[in-house]
């Protein structure tokens, strides 16, 4: 089979140096299909969450046309408009890095005069400790990604308008990253209200300078409201969990959560926490909200693998997951249901039900320490909603950059020459089968091209002589399914372990004959025989006490089948117990 390797075409405006020669410039994020999200607050005497999202829809003659969506309180009361900006000068949330080099007092941003301008070099910690960010315990993921790429970055601060001066109804402060031109933080004031926004999401990889497609998971401003109560005699049971997504970068989510719970033996209790979900690892981490200012998300406490209200769609195919540190087993696929493997000591979900997109639709919860039991009984309230999801699906739509072809190449083999194998199916009409350890044994569609940034779901099926394969893709192990991010050309090998016709229990030694297995066996041992035919004469001449269990599958588990010995069985010494062994004369 001919193997082809190609590289992704990365659409970029180039990587250059600014006039000082010190700062790398990357304005390639300004391209069709890239969306930039901002999370913040708006109000006068009271405030509410605010959200903004700008999608680059087209670029012509250096002028970008964007669709601007905005809303408050988790995309309630949303609005949309078309805006424009110059990709080589200024736009609604950027100033091109080259223009930032020469901007000065007296120039304008968004039509408002710049009153002062300062440039400074920051680290992530020194930028985070800025006094204007006191209400933000930590800065959000895309900002941290920039500092992960370059630990010291030049930041340009603009003060626009003149506070309390006639003719300046709007004034504020904006911080721009000198390398990308992105506005990181904007504090905007009027005589009526205050609005601030912080860069919270972008489907552009600063490290690889490549755009990627958004997935259907929860985005900035989404909020899950999970509540379930029941009433019994003299007692009531209640669990409510509110979770708001504050930031997202790639497969990583950062959110705050408020939990209230109460059961038969205690009054309600509540706690505020921050969570960070690392989708590519995966690991869920959490920290009490009061402690988060001193600890970045990657240093929070590990707390299982997945969120309780959303799973990546590929994860629904897994036989086991871990939610809040609790192992759960998939017990149904219609609908997708996961059940806790064992009872726990504190608050935990004993059951979770998800729709086909991975969003939770129902749950059971327990906490023996307070007598909470929402698994049975008459429910008086059951709600699980995701605010913002319908607006994203039905109005905003998924942001997908123009196709940047990245090739996925699969190698599907067995670990044994001439024996075993399996197949892999998935997106892009992938249907690749392999037999034996040589790639020449492959057939079907083993290559496909995908847009850069696409998440590809792949599924493996071992043949009758093999068990679950090992994926070379990070994080997939021997899972039935594997999600692959097409951040570039990918070559993935899927290697199926061959199951020998016989296996010795004491040593796990495999063999292709019963006589050889007998030689490997200990004085007291068990030999497992696959549901296949052994063409040989078997003579037992040693003083071994053996059990021969036949009719086994590739995992050596019992099934309704038989092992056949086509030849003679002679017992001269020792003992033999058998199950599901048929003996036939040799041809």
Protein backbone atom coordinates (compact mmCIF):
# COMPACT_ATOMS: atom_id res chain seq x y z
CA UNK A 1 0.00 0.00 0.00
CA UNK A 2 1.38 3.37 -0.96
CA UNK A 3 1.69 5.75 1.97
CA UNK A 4 1.48 9.50 1.39
CA UNK A 5 2.66 12.15 3.83
CA UNK A 6 1.61 15.75 3.38
CA UNK A 7 1.83 18.83 5.53
CA UNK A 8 -1.00 21.17 6.45
CA UNK A 9 -1.13 24.47 4.66
CA UNK A 10 -1.19 27.05 7.41
CA UNK A 11 -2.95 30.24 6.46
CA UNK A 12 -1.06 33.06 8.11
CA UNK A 13 -0.14 36.65 7.52
CA UNK A 14 3.43 35.74 8.32
CA UNK A 15 5.86 35.67 11.18
CA UNK A 16 8.10 38.71 11.32
CA UNK A 17 9.76 40.93 13.88
CA UNK A 18 8.62 44.36 14.93
CA UNK A 19 10.76 47.43 14.44
CA UNK A 20 12.64 46.83 17.68
CA UNK A 21 13.56 43.32 16.57
CA UNK A 22 12.49 41.91 19.93
CA UNK A 23 8.89 40.77 19.57
CA UNK A 24 7.60 38.08 17.25
CA UNK A 25 4.52 39.16 15.34
CA UNK A 26 1.67 36.79 14.57
CA UNK A 27 -1.40 38.36 12.97
CA UNK A 28 -2.40 35.11 11.26
CA UNK A 29 -5.31 34.67 13.63
CA UNK A 30 -7.17 37.31 11.58
CA UNK A 31 -8.60 34.92 9.00
CA UNK A 32 -12.07 33.70 7.95
CA UNK A 33 -13.51 31.07 10.26
CA UNK A 34 -11.76 32.31 13.40
CA UNK A 35 -13.96 33.48 16.25
CA UNK A 36 -12.76 35.45 19.26
CA UNK A 37 -14.84 35.36 22.44
CA UNK A 38 -14.84 37.80 25.37
CA UNK A 39 -16.24 37.24 28.83
CA UNK A 40 -16.99 40.07 31.23
CA UNK A 41 -19.48 42.05 33.21
CA UNK A 42 -21.91 44.86 32.49
CA UNK A 43 -24.10 47.07 34.65
CA UNK A 44 -24.44 50.20 36.71
CA UNK A 45 -25.69 49.71 40.28
CA UNK A 46 -25.80 45.94 39.71
CA UNK A 47 -23.86 43.84 37.25
CA UNK A 48 -24.46 40.73 35.20
CA UNK A 49 -22.28 38.45 33.12
CA UNK A 50 -21.61 39.71 29.63
CA UNK A 51 -20.51 37.81 26.54
CA UNK A 52 -19.18 38.84 23.15
CA UNK A 53 -18.11 36.78 20.14
CA UNK A 54 -16.64 38.05 16.86
CA UNK A 55 -16.50 35.72 13.85
CA UNK A 56 -14.34 36.64 10.85
CA UNK A 57 -16.65 35.91 7.90
CA UNK A 58 -14.56 37.34 5.05
CA UNK A 59 -11.50 39.46 4.25
CA UNK A 60 -11.27 41.66 1.17
CA UNK A 61 -8.61 44.28 0.43
CA UNK A 62 -7.36 44.07 4.02
CA UNK A 63 -10.84 44.83 5.37
CA UNK A 64 -12.37 42.15 7.55
CA UNK A 65 -16.10 41.63 7.82
CA UNK A 66 -17.23 40.11 11.10
CA UNK A 67 -20.42 38.86 12.66
CA UNK A 68 -20.64 40.18 16.20
CA UNK A 69 -22.82 38.33 18.72
CA UNK A 70 -23.33 39.72 22.22
CA UNK A 71 -25.51 38.92 25.20
CA UNK A 72 -25.81 39.06 28.96
CA UNK A 73 -26.44 36.44 31.64
CA UNK A 74 -25.33 33.42 29.64
CA UNK A 75 -26.46 34.50 26.19
CA UNK A 76 -29.91 35.63 27.24
CA UNK A 77 -31.24 38.65 25.29
CA UNK A 78 -28.61 38.14 22.54
CA UNK A 79 -28.10 40.39 19.53
CA UNK A 80 -26.10 40.16 16.31
CA UNK A 81 -24.64 42.73 13.96
CA UNK A 82 -22.13 43.00 11.13
CA UNK A 83 -18.98 45.02 11.83
CA UNK A 84 -15.79 45.72 9.91
CA UNK A 85 -12.16 46.55 10.63
CA UNK A 86 -8.80 46.83 8.93
CA UNK A 87 -6.58 43.81 9.48
CA UNK A 88 -3.52 46.00 8.89
CA UNK A 89 -4.69 48.81 11.18
CA UNK A 90 -7.57 48.65 13.68
CA UNK A 91 -10.73 46.69 14.33
CA UNK A 92 -13.31 46.34 17.10
CA UNK A 93 -10.96 44.30 19.31
CA UNK A 94 -7.53 44.60 17.80
CA UNK A 95 -4.80 46.94 16.64
CA UNK A 96 -2.41 45.30 14.19
CA UNK A 97 1.02 44.67 15.80
CA UNK A 98 2.72 46.95 13.25
CA UNK A 99 0.26 49.76 14.04
CA UNK A 100 0.81 49.25 17.76
CA UNK A 101 4.48 50.08 17.25
CA UNK A 102 3.70 53.64 16.19
CA UNK A 103 0.45 54.42 17.99
CA UNK A 104 0.65 57.61 20.06
CA UNK A 105 -1.31 60.00 22.22
CA UNK A 106 -3.77 61.92 20.10
CA UNK A 107 -4.51 58.98 17.79
CA UNK A 108 -7.86 57.26 18.11
CA UNK A 109 -9.18 53.80 18.88
CA UNK A 110 -12.81 53.02 18.02
CA UNK A 111 -13.15 56.70 17.14
CA UNK A 112 -12.17 57.92 20.62
CA UNK A 113 -9.04 59.96 21.28
CA UNK A 114 -6.18 58.21 23.06
CA UNK A 115 -5.30 60.21 26.18
CA UNK A 116 -2.25 58.19 27.27
CA UNK A 117 -0.23 55.23 26.16
CA UNK A 118 2.34 53.07 27.97
CA UNK A 119 4.35 50.00 26.93
CA UNK A 120 5.67 47.47 29.43
CA UNK A 121 7.08 43.97 29.53
CA UNK A 122 5.06 41.58 31.65
CA UNK A 123 5.23 38.00 32.84
CA UNK A 124 1.97 36.14 33.35
CA UNK A 125 2.17 36.68 37.12
CA UNK A 126 2.95 40.39 36.88
CA UNK A 127 0.18 40.94 34.33
CA UNK A 128 -2.27 38.98 36.47
CA UNK A 129 -1.40 41.06 39.54
CA UNK A 130 -2.33 44.34 37.81
CA UNK A 131 -4.54 46.35 40.14
CA UNK A 132 -7.18 46.84 37.45
CA UNK A 133 -7.75 43.08 37.46
CA UNK A 134 -8.48 42.79 41.18
CA UNK A 135 -11.97 41.48 40.55
CA UNK A 136 -10.60 38.66 38.39
CA UNK A 137 -8.94 35.94 40.52
CA UNK A 138 -7.03 34.53 37.55
CA UNK A 139 -6.68 35.45 33.89
CA UNK A 140 -8.28 33.23 31.33
CA UNK A 141 -6.91 30.48 29.11
CA UNK A 142 -5.98 32.18 25.79
CA UNK A 143 -4.06 34.88 27.69
CA UNK A 144 -2.16 32.21 29.58
CA UNK A 145 -1.49 30.39 26.29
CA UNK A 146 0.26 33.51 24.98
CA UNK A 147 2.51 33.67 28.05
CA UNK A 148 3.16 29.92 27.84
CA UNK A 149 4.48 30.56 24.33
CA UNK A 150 6.60 33.55 25.38
CA UNK A 151 7.09 33.99 29.15
CA UNK A 152 7.75 37.73 28.81
CA UNK A 153 5.45 39.69 26.53
CA UNK A 154 5.16 43.33 25.63
CA UNK A 155 1.77 44.80 26.52
CA UNK A 156 0.49 48.15 25.26
CA UNK A 157 -1.91 50.02 27.55
CA UNK A 158 -4.18 52.67 26.08
CA UNK A 159 -6.34 55.08 28.05
CA UNK A 160 -8.94 56.50 25.67
CA UNK A 161 -11.26 59.43 26.27
CA UNK A 162 -10.89 61.86 29.15
CA UNK A 163 -12.95 61.00 32.23
CA UNK A 164 -15.49 63.60 33.37
CA UNK A 165 -14.66 65.98 30.53
CA UNK A 166 -17.39 67.39 28.28
CA UNK A 167 -17.44 65.81 24.85
CA UNK A 168 -16.13 62.47 26.07
CA UNK A 169 -19.20 60.36 26.96
CA UNK A 170 -17.12 57.16 26.76
CA UNK A 171 -13.72 56.51 28.26
CA UNK A 172 -11.77 53.48 29.33
CA UNK A 173 -8.60 51.42 29.45
CA UNK A 174 -7.54 48.69 27.04
CA UNK A 175 -4.57 46.31 27.11
CA UNK A 176 -3.20 44.92 23.84
CA UNK A 177 -0.73 42.09 23.28
CA UNK A 178 2.06 43.57 21.14
CA UNK A 179 2.81 40.29 19.36
CA UNK A 180 -0.71 39.53 18.11
CA UNK A 181 -2.50 42.87 18.38
CA UNK A 182 -5.33 41.24 20.32
CA UNK A 183 -7.14 43.25 22.96
CA UNK A 184 -6.70 41.23 26.16
CA UNK A 185 -8.73 43.40 28.49
CA UNK A 186 -11.02 46.35 27.94
CA UNK A 187 -12.58 48.40 30.73
CA UNK A 188 -15.16 50.74 29.20
CA UNK A 189 -17.05 53.36 31.20
CA UNK A 190 -19.84 55.76 30.43
CA UNK A 191 -21.85 58.11 32.59
CA UNK A 192 -24.42 55.31 32.88
CA UNK A 193 -22.59 52.02 33.26
CA UNK A 194 -19.34 50.08 33.34
CA UNK A 195 -18.45 47.25 31.00
CA UNK A 196 -15.32 45.13 31.02
CA UNK A 197 -14.34 42.24 28.79
CA UNK A 198 -11.48 39.77 28.96
CA UNK A 199 -10.18 37.59 26.09
CA UNK A 200 -11.64 34.16 26.86
CA UNK A 201 -11.64 31.99 23.72
CA UNK A 202 -10.19 31.79 20.21
CA UNK A 203 -10.00 28.89 17.78
CA UNK A 204 -6.43 29.67 16.78
CA UNK A 205 -3.35 27.86 18.07
CA UNK A 206 -0.70 30.45 18.88
CA UNK A 207 2.02 27.80 19.15
CA UNK A 208 1.46 26.26 15.71
CA UNK A 209 0.00 29.41 14.08
CA UNK A 210 -2.93 27.38 12.76
CA UNK A 211 -6.67 27.88 13.06
CA UNK A 212 -8.85 24.96 14.12
CA UNK A 213 -12.56 24.27 14.05
CA UNK A 214 -14.70 24.78 17.14
CA UNK A 215 -16.37 21.66 18.49
CA UNK A 216 -19.91 21.33 19.81
CA UNK A 217 -18.90 21.44 23.46
CA UNK A 218 -19.77 24.22 25.93
CA UNK A 219 -18.33 27.63 25.09
CA UNK A 220 -17.75 30.93 26.87
CA UNK A 221 -20.91 32.04 28.63
CA UNK A 222 -22.62 28.64 28.63
CA UNK A 223 -24.19 27.75 31.97
CA UNK A 224 -25.47 24.41 33.17
CA UNK A 225 -28.29 24.45 35.74
CA UNK A 226 -28.78 21.05 37.31
CA UNK A 227 -31.41 20.68 40.02
CA UNK A 228 -33.28 17.73 41.45
CA UNK A 229 -35.41 17.55 44.59
CA UNK A 230 -37.82 15.14 46.18
CA UNK A 231 -40.08 15.29 49.17
CA UNK A 232 -40.60 12.51 51.69
CA UNK A 233 -42.22 12.38 55.10
CA UNK A 234 -40.39 14.79 57.44
CA UNK A 235 -37.45 15.09 55.04
CA UNK A 236 -36.52 16.68 51.78
CA UNK A 237 -33.64 15.99 49.43
CA UNK A 238 -32.07 18.55 47.15
CA UNK A 239 -29.08 18.98 44.84
CA UNK A 240 -28.42 22.01 42.66
CA UNK A 241 -25.24 22.67 40.71
CA UNK A 242 -24.69 25.81 38.64
CA UNK A 243 -21.66 25.80 36.35
CA UNK A 244 -20.67 28.68 34.08
CA UNK A 245 -17.98 28.34 31.41
CA UNK A 246 -15.71 31.36 31.74
CA UNK A 247 -13.01 30.41 29.26
CA UNK A 248 -12.03 27.86 26.67
CA UNK A 249 -8.90 27.17 24.65
CA UNK A 250 -8.88 24.08 22.43
CA UNK A 251 -10.15 21.19 24.53
CA UNK A 252 -9.61 22.96 27.87
CA UNK A 253 -12.56 24.45 29.75
CA UNK A 254 -12.42 26.70 32.78
CA UNK A 255 -15.57 27.36 34.80
CA UNK A 256 -16.94 28.29 38.17
CA UNK A 257 -19.41 26.11 40.03
CA UNK A 258 -21.86 26.70 42.86
CA UNK A 259 -23.19 23.61 44.62
CA UNK A 260 -26.02 23.30 47.10
CA UNK A 261 -27.12 20.01 48.60
CA UNK A 262 -29.21 18.78 51.49
CA UNK A 263 -30.53 15.48 52.73
CA UNK A 264 -32.37 13.73 55.51
CA UNK A 265 -29.82 14.43 58.25
CA UNK A 266 -28.61 17.96 57.58
CA UNK A 267 -29.59 21.39 56.37
CA UNK A 268 -28.51 22.61 52.95
CA UNK A 269 -24.85 23.33 52.41
CA UNK A 270 -23.19 25.20 49.60
CA UNK A 271 -19.75 25.78 48.16
CA UNK A 272 -18.20 27.82 45.37
CA UNK A 273 -15.45 26.18 43.34
CA UNK A 274 -13.53 26.63 40.13
CA UNK A 275 -12.98 23.74 37.76
CA UNK A 276 -10.74 23.24 34.78
CA UNK A 277 -11.32 20.39 32.33
CA UNK A 278 -8.34 19.33 30.25
CA UNK A 279 -10.08 17.50 27.42
CA UNK A 280 -6.96 16.12 25.76
CA UNK A 281 -5.49 14.53 28.91
CA UNK A 282 -8.22 14.11 30.22
CA UNK A 283 -8.33 15.30 33.82
CA UNK A 284 -10.75 17.44 35.75
CA UNK A 285 -9.21 19.74 38.36
CA UNK A 286 -10.86 21.89 40.98
CA UNK A 287 -10.10 24.46 43.67
CA UNK A 288 -12.20 26.39 46.15
CA UNK A 289 -12.93 29.77 44.64
CA UNK A 290 -11.31 31.56 47.57
CA UNK A 291 -8.00 29.79 46.87
CA UNK A 292 -7.81 30.20 43.09
CA UNK A 293 -5.94 33.56 42.96
CA UNK A 294 -2.76 31.87 44.16
CA UNK A 295 -2.91 28.75 42.01
CA UNK A 296 -3.12 28.49 38.19
CA UNK A 297 -5.60 25.87 36.91
CA UNK A 298 -2.99 23.26 36.04
CA UNK A 299 -1.98 23.22 39.73
CA UNK A 300 -5.49 22.68 41.05
CA UNK A 301 -6.43 19.35 42.60
CA UNK A 302 -7.16 16.44 40.27
CA UNK A 303 -10.79 15.38 40.55
CA UNK A 304 -11.60 12.70 38.01
CA UNK A 305 -11.60 12.89 34.22
CA UNK A 306 -14.80 14.50 33.04
CA UNK A 307 -17.48 17.06 33.76
CA UNK A 308 -20.82 15.80 35.02
CA UNK A 309 -22.87 17.78 32.49
CA UNK A 310 -20.91 17.31 29.29
CA UNK A 311 -18.76 14.58 27.74
CA UNK A 312 -16.93 14.85 24.41
CA UNK A 313 -19.12 12.87 22.02
CA UNK A 314 -16.41 10.27 21.37
CA UNK A 315 -16.26 9.54 25.10
CA UNK A 316 -19.82 8.17 24.97
CA UNK A 317 -18.31 5.09 23.29
CA UNK A 318 -16.02 4.38 26.25
CA UNK A 319 -16.99 1.49 28.50
CA UNK A 320 -15.82 3.38 31.61
CA UNK A 321 -15.39 7.01 32.62
CA UNK A 322 -14.40 8.82 35.81
CA UNK A 323 -16.55 11.71 37.06
CA UNK A 324 -15.56 13.59 40.24
CA UNK A 325 -13.07 10.82 41.03
CA UNK A 326 -15.78 8.15 40.84
CA UNK A 327 -15.35 5.29 38.33
CA UNK A 328 -18.51 4.81 36.26
CA UNK A 329 -19.45 2.03 33.85
CA UNK A 330 -21.57 2.44 30.74
CA UNK A 331 -24.71 0.40 31.33
CA UNK A 332 -26.79 1.51 28.34
CA UNK A 333 -26.41 3.20 24.98
CA UNK A 334 -30.07 4.06 24.46
CA UNK A 335 -29.84 6.53 26.07
CA UNK A 336 -26.17 6.73 27.04
CA UNK A 337 -26.15 5.82 30.73
CA UNK A 338 -23.19 5.56 33.10
CA UNK A 339 -23.52 4.03 36.57
CA UNK A 340 -21.16 4.40 39.53
CA UNK A 341 -19.16 1.22 40.07
CA UNK A 342 -19.46 1.43 43.87
CA UNK A 343 -21.02 3.53 46.62
CA UNK A 344 -18.99 6.53 47.84
CA UNK A 345 -18.61 8.28 51.17
CA UNK A 346 -19.53 11.83 50.13
CA UNK A 347 -21.53 13.57 47.42
CA UNK A 348 -21.40 11.70 44.14
CA UNK A 349 -23.46 10.89 41.06
CA UNK A 350 -24.68 7.31 41.14
CA UNK A 351 -26.00 7.59 37.60
CA UNK A 352 -25.67 9.99 34.63
CA UNK A 353 -27.64 10.03 31.37
CA UNK A 354 -26.38 11.89 28.29
CA UNK A 355 -27.85 12.77 24.90
CA UNK A 356 -26.08 12.01 21.62
CA UNK A 357 -24.14 15.31 21.77
CA UNK A 358 -22.74 14.45 25.20
CA UNK A 359 -24.92 16.78 27.30
CA UNK A 360 -26.46 15.39 30.49
CA UNK A 361 -30.24 15.00 30.52
CA UNK A 362 -30.83 13.28 33.88
CA UNK A 363 -28.93 12.06 36.92
CA UNK A 364 -29.07 10.25 40.24
CA UNK A 365 -27.08 11.52 43.21
CA UNK A 366 -26.27 10.40 46.74
CA UNK A 367 -24.42 11.61 49.82
CA UNK A 368 -24.58 9.11 52.69
CA UNK A 369 -23.03 11.62 55.11
CA UNK A 370 -26.14 13.83 54.97
CA UNK A 371 -28.70 11.27 53.89
CA UNK A 372 -29.09 12.63 50.37
CA UNK A 373 -30.75 10.09 48.07
CA UNK A 374 -32.09 11.26 44.74
CA UNK A 375 -32.09 7.82 43.17
CA UNK A 376 -35.61 6.86 44.19
CA UNK A 377 -38.75 8.52 45.50
CA UNK A 378 -41.21 11.09 44.24
CA UNK A 379 -39.45 13.96 42.52
CA UNK A 380 -40.97 17.41 42.87
CA UNK A 381 -38.39 19.16 40.71
CA UNK A 382 -36.13 17.87 37.95
CA UNK A 383 -34.32 20.27 35.65
CA UNK A 384 -31.12 20.12 33.71
CA UNK A 385 -30.58 22.93 31.22
CA UNK A 386 -27.62 24.44 29.40
CA UNK A 387 -28.09 28.17 28.83
CA UNK A 388 -26.49 29.42 25.64
CA UNK A 389 -26.44 26.05 23.88
CA UNK A 390 -29.52 26.60 21.70
CA UNK A 391 -28.32 30.07 20.62
CA UNK A 392 -24.94 28.64 19.68
CA UNK A 393 -26.42 25.73 17.73
CA UNK A 394 -29.30 27.52 16.06
CA UNK A 395 -28.00 31.06 15.51
CA UNK A 396 -24.26 31.47 15.97
CA UNK A 397 -23.24 28.20 14.40
CA UNK A 398 -19.91 26.42 14.70
CA UNK A 399 -16.85 28.40 13.60
CA UNK A 400 -14.92 26.41 11.00
CA UNK A 401 -11.96 27.93 9.12
CA UNK A 402 -11.67 27.29 5.37
CA UNK A 403 -10.47 23.79 4.79
CA UNK A 404 -6.78 23.42 5.48
CA UNK A 405 -6.08 19.86 4.43
CA UNK A 406 -4.34 17.67 6.99
CA UNK A 407 -3.84 14.01 6.16
CA UNK A 408 -4.61 11.21 8.58
CA UNK A 409 -2.73 7.99 7.78
CA UNK A 410 -3.57 4.79 9.63
CA UNK A 411 -1.44 1.68 9.99
CA UNK A 412 -3.54 -1.23 11.23
CA UNK A 413 -1.56 -4.35 12.12
CA UNK A 414 -1.29 -7.26 14.51
CA UNK A 415 1.63 -7.82 16.85
CA UNK A 416 2.24 -11.29 15.36
CA UNK A 417 3.40 -12.18 11.85
CA UNK A 418 0.68 -13.68 9.72
CA UNK A 419 -1.91 -13.85 12.50
CA UNK A 420 -4.54 -11.62 14.08
CA UNK A 421 -5.60 -8.11 13.28
CA UNK A 422 -8.71 -5.98 13.14
CA UNK A 423 -10.25 -2.89 11.65
CA UNK A 424 -10.67 0.84 12.33
CA UNK A 425 -13.66 2.90 11.23
CA UNK A 426 -14.34 6.60 11.56
CA UNK A 427 -14.93 9.96 9.96
CA UNK A 428 -13.90 10.65 6.39
CA UNK A 429 -15.08 7.17 5.32
CA UNK A 430 -12.15 5.62 7.17
CA UNK A 431 -12.58 1.83 6.99
CA UNK A 432 -9.14 0.27 7.34
CA UNK A 433 -8.49 -3.42 8.01
CA UNK A 434 -5.19 -5.09 8.79
CA UNK A 435 -3.98 -8.68 9.06
CA UNK A 436 -0.67 -9.77 10.52
CA UNK A 437 2.26 -7.59 11.50
CA UNK A 438 3.13 -6.37 8.00
CA UNK A 439 1.36 -3.24 6.63
CA UNK A 440 1.06 -5.07 3.30
CA UNK A 441 -1.79 -6.96 4.96
CA UNK A 442 -3.88 -3.78 5.10
CA UNK A 443 -6.92 -3.08 2.94
CA UNK A 444 -9.69 -0.53 2.66
CA UNK A 445 -9.59 3.24 3.17
CA UNK A 446 -6.66 3.97 5.47
CA UNK A 447 -6.09 7.66 4.63
CA UNK A 448 -8.29 10.75 4.58
CA UNK A 449 -7.86 14.53 4.56
CA UNK A 450 -9.52 16.76 7.15
CA UNK A 451 -9.66 20.49 7.89
CA UNK A 452 -7.03 21.65 10.34
CA UNK A 453 -8.30 21.60 13.91
CA UNK A 454 -10.96 18.94 13.29
CA UNK A 455 -11.55 16.36 16.01
CA UNK A 456 -11.74 12.93 14.35
CA UNK A 457 -13.49 10.05 16.10
CA UNK A 458 -12.10 6.58 15.35
CA UNK A 459 -13.37 3.19 16.52
CA UNK A 460 -11.57 -0.14 16.58
CA UNK A 461 -12.87 -3.68 16.15
CA UNK A 462 -10.54 -6.65 16.74
CA UNK A 463 -10.99 -9.76 14.62
CA UNK A 464 -11.94 -13.08 16.22
CA UNK A 465 -8.27 -13.89 16.97
CA UNK A 466 -7.30 -10.60 18.62
CA UNK A 467 -8.11 -8.33 21.56
CA UNK A 468 -8.30 -4.53 21.92
CA UNK A 469 -5.53 -2.75 20.07
CA UNK A 470 -3.19 -0.07 21.38
CA UNK A 471 -3.41 3.33 19.66
CA UNK A 472 -0.26 5.39 19.26
CA UNK A 473 -2.40 8.55 19.59
CA UNK A 474 -1.85 10.20 22.97
CA UNK A 475 -4.43 9.44 25.63
CA UNK A 476 -6.21 6.66 23.72
CA UNK A 477 -4.44 3.62 25.14
CA UNK A 478 -6.56 0.54 24.41
CA UNK A 479 -9.90 2.40 24.39
CA UNK A 480 -12.53 1.24 21.94
CA UNK A 481 -12.69 4.80 20.60
CA UNK A 482 -10.01 7.40 20.00
CA UNK A 483 -10.43 11.12 19.35
CA UNK A 484 -7.66 12.66 17.24
CA UNK A 485 -7.12 16.41 16.85
CA UNK A 486 -5.93 17.19 13.33
CA UNK A 487 -3.47 19.89 14.28
CA UNK A 488 -1.21 18.67 11.48
CA UNK A 489 -0.57 15.56 9.40
CA UNK A 490 -1.10 12.55 11.67
CA UNK A 491 0.27 9.01 11.36
CA UNK A 492 -1.38 6.64 13.81
CA UNK A 493 -0.60 2.96 14.28
CA UNK A 494 -3.23 0.62 15.69
CA UNK A 495 -1.67 -2.67 16.85
CA UNK A 496 -3.94 -5.58 17.76
CA UNK A 497 -2.54 -8.25 20.15
CA UNK A 498 -2.92 -11.75 18.73
CA UNK A 499 -4.48 -14.36 21.03
CA UNK A 500 -2.68 -17.68 20.79
CA UNK A 501 -4.73 -20.83 20.34
CA UNK A 502 -3.84 -21.95 23.86
CA UNK A 503 -2.70 -20.15 26.97
CA UNK A 504 -1.20 -21.41 30.23
CA UNK A 505 -2.79 -19.81 33.30
CA UNK A 506 0.26 -19.74 35.60
CA UNK A 507 2.58 -17.96 33.18
CA UNK A 508 0.24 -16.43 30.54
CA UNK A 509 2.44 -18.22 28.01
CA UNK A 510 0.72 -18.63 24.67
CA UNK A 511 1.20 -21.39 22.16
CA UNK A 512 -0.24 -22.75 18.95
CA UNK A 513 -0.41 -26.37 20.12
CA UNK A 514 -1.75 -28.19 23.16
CA UNK A 515 1.42 -30.27 23.39
CA UNK A 516 3.54 -27.14 23.69
CA UNK A 517 1.16 -25.67 26.26
CA UNK A 518 1.40 -28.90 28.24
CA UNK A 519 5.16 -28.51 28.29
CA UNK A 520 4.85 -24.92 29.59
CA UNK A 521 2.40 -25.87 32.36
CA UNK A 522 3.32 -26.08 36.03
CA UNK A 523 2.66 -29.17 38.17
CA UNK A 524 -0.82 -27.89 38.94
CA UNK A 525 -2.14 -25.62 36.24
CA UNK A 526 -4.93 -24.66 33.84
CA UNK A 527 -4.72 -24.50 30.07
CA UNK A 528 -7.27 -22.38 28.19
CA UNK A 529 -8.09 -23.46 24.66
CA UNK A 530 -9.58 -21.11 22.08
CA UNK A 531 -12.63 -22.23 20.11
CA UNK A 532 -10.49 -23.62 17.31
CA UNK A 533 -9.12 -26.94 16.04
CA UNK A 534 -5.78 -28.42 17.15
CA UNK A 535 -4.51 -30.96 14.58
CA UNK A 536 -2.13 -33.02 16.71
CA UNK A 537 -1.74 -35.96 19.03
CA UNK A 538 -1.57 -34.95 22.69
CA UNK A 539 0.29 -37.21 25.10
CA UNK A 540 0.36 -36.50 28.86
CA UNK A 541 3.42 -38.25 30.30
CA UNK A 542 4.35 -36.11 33.31
CA UNK A 543 2.83 -36.18 36.79
CA UNK A 544 0.92 -32.94 36.29
CA UNK A 545 -2.57 -32.20 37.53
CA UNK A 546 -4.10 -30.16 34.72
CA UNK A 547 -7.44 -28.63 33.82
CA UNK A 548 -8.17 -27.96 30.16
CA UNK A 549 -10.94 -25.41 29.58
CA UNK A 550 -11.99 -25.17 25.96
CA UNK A 551 -14.34 -23.08 23.85
CA UNK A 552 -12.76 -19.76 24.87
CA UNK A 553 -12.83 -16.47 22.97
CA UNK A 554 -9.87 -14.20 22.18
CA UNK A 555 -9.89 -12.95 25.79
CA UNK A 556 -9.96 -16.61 26.98
CA UNK A 557 -13.39 -16.06 28.40
CA UNK A 558 -16.02 -18.83 28.22
CA UNK A 559 -18.52 -18.83 25.39
CA UNK A 560 -20.99 -21.29 23.91
CA UNK A 561 -18.40 -23.02 21.75
CA UNK A 562 -15.98 -25.96 21.72
CA UNK A 563 -12.28 -26.64 21.29
CA UNK A 564 -11.56 -29.52 18.93
CA UNK A 565 -8.60 -31.90 19.14
CA UNK A 566 -8.28 -33.67 15.78
CA UNK A 567 -6.01 -36.51 16.82
CA UNK A 568 -5.33 -38.80 19.77
CA UNK A 569 -5.35 -37.89 23.48
CA UNK A 570 -3.17 -40.24 25.55
CA UNK A 571 -2.84 -39.95 29.35
CA UNK A 572 0.14 -41.95 30.64
CA UNK A 573 0.71 -40.08 33.87
CA UNK A 574 -0.87 -37.32 35.99
CA UNK A 575 -4.50 -36.20 35.73
CA UNK A 576 -6.63 -34.14 33.38
CA UNK A 577 -9.98 -32.41 33.83
CA UNK A 578 -11.63 -31.07 30.70
CA UNK A 579 -14.53 -28.84 29.75
CA UNK A 580 -15.82 -28.16 26.22
CA UNK A 581 -13.21 -30.29 24.48
CA UNK A 582 -14.26 -32.38 21.49
CA UNK A 583 -11.92 -35.14 20.25
CA UNK A 584 -12.12 -36.28 16.64
CA UNK A 585 -9.97 -38.72 14.74
CA UNK A 586 -7.36 -37.30 12.46
CA UNK A 587 -8.22 -37.15 8.77
